[in-house]
């Protein structure tokens, strides 16, 4: 089964970063070098040309989203530009139950909620090598106005203040190094003693038999 670890216990990884730090690119490369499950967010905004339901997002209407909230089936959510965005809980719990590594790409507010609900989760904050570099990356995207860029930079500075709350800080200067550092963190966390109770019991039982 994809991502099953030898301890039979899943690992939940929270990945946060300011806009423009390359979260999607890092995750795309991470998927190529290790078995992970990426959670797909749910949104009430209309689907855009080129997007696929169940791939980019789960596109739902607001009554359905509100019902999911009432039934405690949303891990974390936010409202942006009049639309809801949230992380469905069922798939995450199922993957963890089968021993898989699940990565949630979420904002700092949602990250705090997930860490509260899943105290055994591992949190990683991806940062740029400098704020000037981040601003340059935003400008090179050529997708935002000057006002939008400055707004994103203001938000980024605010988000960076939450970095000390995370377990690990990874600098995304050279992309390959950032991916390798995150991969190393995940591998090390999977072999922590506190996650290896089942493995230790199996080894001890085999030695005594």
Protein backbone atom coordinates (compact mmCIF):
# COMPACT_ATOMS: atom_id res chain seq x y z
CA UNK A 1 0.00 0.00 0.00
CA UNK A 2 1.32 3.47 -0.88
CA UNK A 3 3.31 5.03 1.89
CA UNK A 4 2.79 2.29 4.49
CA UNK A 5 5.59 2.64 7.01
CA UNK A 6 7.19 -0.18 8.90
CA UNK A 7 5.67 0.91 12.19
CA UNK A 8 2.07 0.75 11.02
CA UNK A 9 1.53 4.30 12.20
CA UNK A 10 0.85 7.28 9.95
CA UNK A 11 2.63 10.61 10.03
CA UNK A 12 0.85 13.93 9.57
CA UNK A 13 3.02 16.76 8.22
CA UNK A 14 1.88 20.39 8.24
CA UNK A 15 3.65 22.56 5.65
CA UNK A 16 3.17 26.32 5.75
CA UNK A 17 4.88 29.23 4.00
CA UNK A 18 4.23 32.77 2.84
CA UNK A 19 2.87 33.18 -0.69
CA UNK A 20 5.68 32.95 -3.24
CA UNK A 21 7.91 30.61 -1.23
CA UNK A 22 7.32 27.70 -3.60
CA UNK A 23 5.18 25.31 -1.54
CA UNK A 24 3.56 23.68 -4.59
CA UNK A 25 6.85 23.23 -6.43
CA UNK A 26 8.50 21.74 -3.36
CA UNK A 27 5.62 19.30 -2.82
CA UNK A 28 5.58 18.26 -6.48
CA UNK A 29 9.27 17.32 -6.27
CA UNK A 30 8.82 15.69 -2.86
CA UNK A 31 6.15 13.39 -4.31
CA UNK A 32 8.68 12.16 -6.86
CA UNK A 33 11.25 11.10 -4.28
CA UNK A 34 9.09 9.59 -1.52
CA UNK A 35 5.59 8.19 -1.01
CA UNK A 36 3.32 10.86 0.46
CA UNK A 37 -0.36 11.71 0.37
CA UNK A 38 -1.27 15.33 -0.38
CA UNK A 39 -4.57 16.42 1.09
CA UNK A 40 -6.92 18.12 -1.39
CA UNK A 41 -8.76 21.15 -0.06
CA UNK A 42 -12.49 21.79 -0.42
CA UNK A 43 -13.81 25.13 -1.66
CA UNK A 44 -17.10 26.85 -2.41
CA UNK A 45 -15.63 29.04 -5.15
CA UNK A 46 -16.55 28.27 -8.78
CA UNK A 47 -14.27 25.97 -10.73
CA UNK A 48 -11.92 27.79 -13.11
CA UNK A 49 -11.00 26.80 -16.68
CA UNK A 50 -8.37 24.05 -16.62
CA UNK A 51 -9.13 22.93 -13.07
CA UNK A 52 -10.36 19.44 -12.21
CA UNK A 53 -12.72 18.53 -9.40
CA UNK A 54 -10.97 16.16 -7.01
CA UNK A 55 -7.54 17.12 -8.36
CA UNK A 56 -7.14 20.86 -7.77
CA UNK A 57 -9.94 21.15 -5.21
CA UNK A 58 -13.17 19.49 -4.22
CA UNK A 59 -15.70 22.03 -5.51
CA UNK A 60 -18.87 22.14 -3.41
CA UNK A 61 -21.69 24.56 -2.66
CA UNK A 62 -21.90 26.52 0.59
CA UNK A 63 -24.72 24.46 2.22
CA UNK A 64 -22.64 21.29 1.76
CA UNK A 65 -19.55 22.99 3.23
CA UNK A 66 -21.54 24.27 6.22
CA UNK A 67 -22.94 20.78 6.79
CA UNK A 68 -19.40 19.36 6.79
CA UNK A 69 -18.44 21.97 9.38
CA UNK A 70 -21.39 21.10 11.61
CA UNK A 71 -20.50 17.40 11.40
CA UNK A 72 -16.88 18.15 12.40
CA UNK A 73 -15.58 16.81 9.09
CA UNK A 74 -13.39 19.84 8.31
CA UNK A 75 -9.96 20.00 9.97
CA UNK A 76 -9.42 23.71 9.35
CA UNK A 77 -11.01 26.35 7.17
CA UNK A 78 -10.90 29.98 6.17
CA UNK A 79 -13.03 32.39 4.19
CA UNK A 80 -11.38 34.42 1.45
CA UNK A 81 -13.05 36.74 -1.09
CA UNK A 82 -16.47 35.44 -0.05
CA UNK A 83 -15.62 31.75 -0.53
CA UNK A 84 -14.79 29.00 1.96
CA UNK A 85 -11.65 26.87 1.81
CA UNK A 86 -11.07 23.90 4.10
CA UNK A 87 -9.35 20.55 4.63
CA UNK A 88 -11.65 17.47 4.67
CA UNK A 89 -10.97 15.28 7.70
CA UNK A 90 -12.15 11.82 6.62
CA UNK A 91 -9.46 11.07 4.03
CA UNK A 92 -6.69 12.36 6.30
CA UNK A 93 -7.77 10.09 9.17
CA UNK A 94 -8.12 7.09 6.85
CA UNK A 95 -4.63 7.57 5.42
CA UNK A 96 -3.10 7.98 8.87
CA UNK A 97 -4.90 4.86 10.09
CA UNK A 98 -3.29 2.82 7.30
CA UNK A 99 0.18 4.12 8.15
CA UNK A 100 0.69 6.64 5.38
CA UNK A 101 2.52 9.96 5.39
CA UNK A 102 0.04 12.79 4.83
CA UNK A 103 1.14 16.33 3.96
CA UNK A 104 -1.20 19.27 4.52
CA UNK A 105 -0.30 22.49 2.72
CA UNK A 106 -2.11 25.09 4.82
CA UNK A 107 -1.83 28.63 6.15
CA UNK A 108 -0.52 29.45 9.61
CA UNK A 109 -3.98 29.84 11.17
CA UNK A 110 -5.08 26.44 9.92
CA UNK A 111 -1.72 24.98 10.88
CA UNK A 112 -2.25 25.98 14.49
CA UNK A 113 -5.64 24.25 14.54
CA UNK A 114 -4.24 21.05 13.02
CA UNK A 115 -1.38 20.97 15.54
CA UNK A 116 -3.96 21.27 18.31
CA UNK A 117 -6.09 18.42 16.92
CA UNK A 118 -3.09 16.23 16.07
CA UNK A 119 -0.39 16.86 18.70
CA UNK A 120 1.80 14.14 17.16
CA UNK A 121 1.91 15.97 13.83
CA UNK A 122 5.15 17.43 12.47
CA UNK A 123 5.12 21.07 11.37
CA UNK A 124 7.50 22.60 8.82
CA UNK A 125 7.69 26.28 7.91
CA UNK A 126 9.21 27.06 4.52
CA UNK A 127 10.91 30.46 4.36
CA UNK A 128 12.66 32.45 1.62
CA UNK A 129 16.36 33.31 1.97
CA UNK A 130 15.29 36.92 2.41
CA UNK A 131 12.24 39.16 2.08
CA UNK A 132 13.79 40.94 -0.92
CA UNK A 133 14.10 37.55 -2.65
CA UNK A 134 10.46 36.80 -1.87
CA UNK A 135 9.32 40.12 -3.34
CA UNK A 136 11.40 39.46 -6.47
CA UNK A 137 9.79 36.03 -6.87
CA UNK A 138 6.32 37.56 -6.58
CA UNK A 139 7.17 40.14 -9.22
CA UNK A 140 8.57 37.52 -11.60
CA UNK A 141 5.24 35.69 -11.51
CA UNK A 142 3.73 38.72 -13.32
CA UNK A 143 0.29 37.74 -12.05
CA UNK A 144 -0.38 40.46 -9.47
CA UNK A 145 -0.64 44.21 -9.48
CA UNK A 146 1.74 46.36 -7.43
CA UNK A 147 -0.97 46.76 -4.80
CA UNK A 148 -1.46 43.00 -4.61
CA UNK A 149 2.29 42.41 -4.33
CA UNK A 150 2.58 44.86 -1.44
CA UNK A 151 -0.44 43.27 0.23
CA UNK A 152 1.13 39.82 -0.08
CA UNK A 153 4.40 41.12 1.34
CA UNK A 154 2.56 42.58 4.34
CA UNK A 155 0.83 39.26 4.92
CA UNK A 156 4.13 37.40 4.48
CA UNK A 157 5.82 39.50 7.17
CA UNK A 158 2.93 38.76 9.51
CA UNK A 159 3.07 35.02 8.73
CA UNK A 160 6.82 34.89 9.30
CA UNK A 161 6.20 35.84 12.94
CA UNK A 162 4.52 32.44 13.40
CA UNK A 163 7.57 30.49 12.18
CA UNK A 164 8.94 29.90 15.74
CA UNK A 165 5.76 27.93 16.54
CA UNK A 166 6.74 25.25 14.00
CA UNK A 167 8.95 22.23 14.67
CA UNK A 168 11.27 22.87 11.73
CA UNK A 169 12.34 25.79 9.55
CA UNK A 170 13.50 25.06 5.99
CA UNK A 171 14.97 27.77 3.78
CA UNK A 172 13.95 27.51 0.14
CA UNK A 173 17.02 29.03 -1.50
CA UNK A 174 18.12 26.16 -3.71
CA UNK A 175 14.99 24.13 -4.51
CA UNK A 176 16.65 20.72 -4.51
CA UNK A 177 18.18 21.36 -1.10
CA UNK A 178 14.83 22.42 0.37
CA UNK A 179 13.17 19.24 -0.93
CA UNK A 180 15.98 17.06 0.42
CA UNK A 181 15.81 18.76 3.82
CA UNK A 182 12.05 18.15 4.08
CA UNK A 183 12.50 14.55 2.96
CA UNK A 184 15.15 14.08 5.65
CA UNK A 185 12.86 15.54 8.32
CA UNK A 186 10.03 13.20 7.37
CA UNK A 187 12.31 10.15 7.30
CA UNK A 188 13.78 10.98 10.71
CA UNK A 189 10.36 11.62 12.26
CA UNK A 190 9.06 8.27 11.02
CA UNK A 191 11.87 6.51 12.91
CA UNK A 192 11.41 8.32 16.21
CA UNK A 193 11.15 6.00 19.21
CA UNK A 194 7.70 7.34 20.12
CA UNK A 195 6.40 6.23 16.70
CA UNK A 196 8.04 2.78 16.85
CA UNK A 197 6.10 1.01 19.61
CA UNK A 198 4.60 -1.55 17.22
CA UNK A 199 7.95 -2.25 15.62
CA UNK A 200 9.70 -2.70 18.96
CA UNK A 201 6.99 -5.09 20.17
CA UNK A 202 7.31 -7.15 17.01
CA UNK A 203 11.11 -7.36 17.34
CA UNK A 204 10.87 -8.37 21.01
CA UNK A 205 8.18 -10.99 20.31
CA UNK A 206 10.23 -12.48 17.47
CA UNK A 207 13.29 -12.68 19.73
CA UNK A 208 11.34 -14.53 22.41
CA UNK A 209 9.65 -17.00 20.08
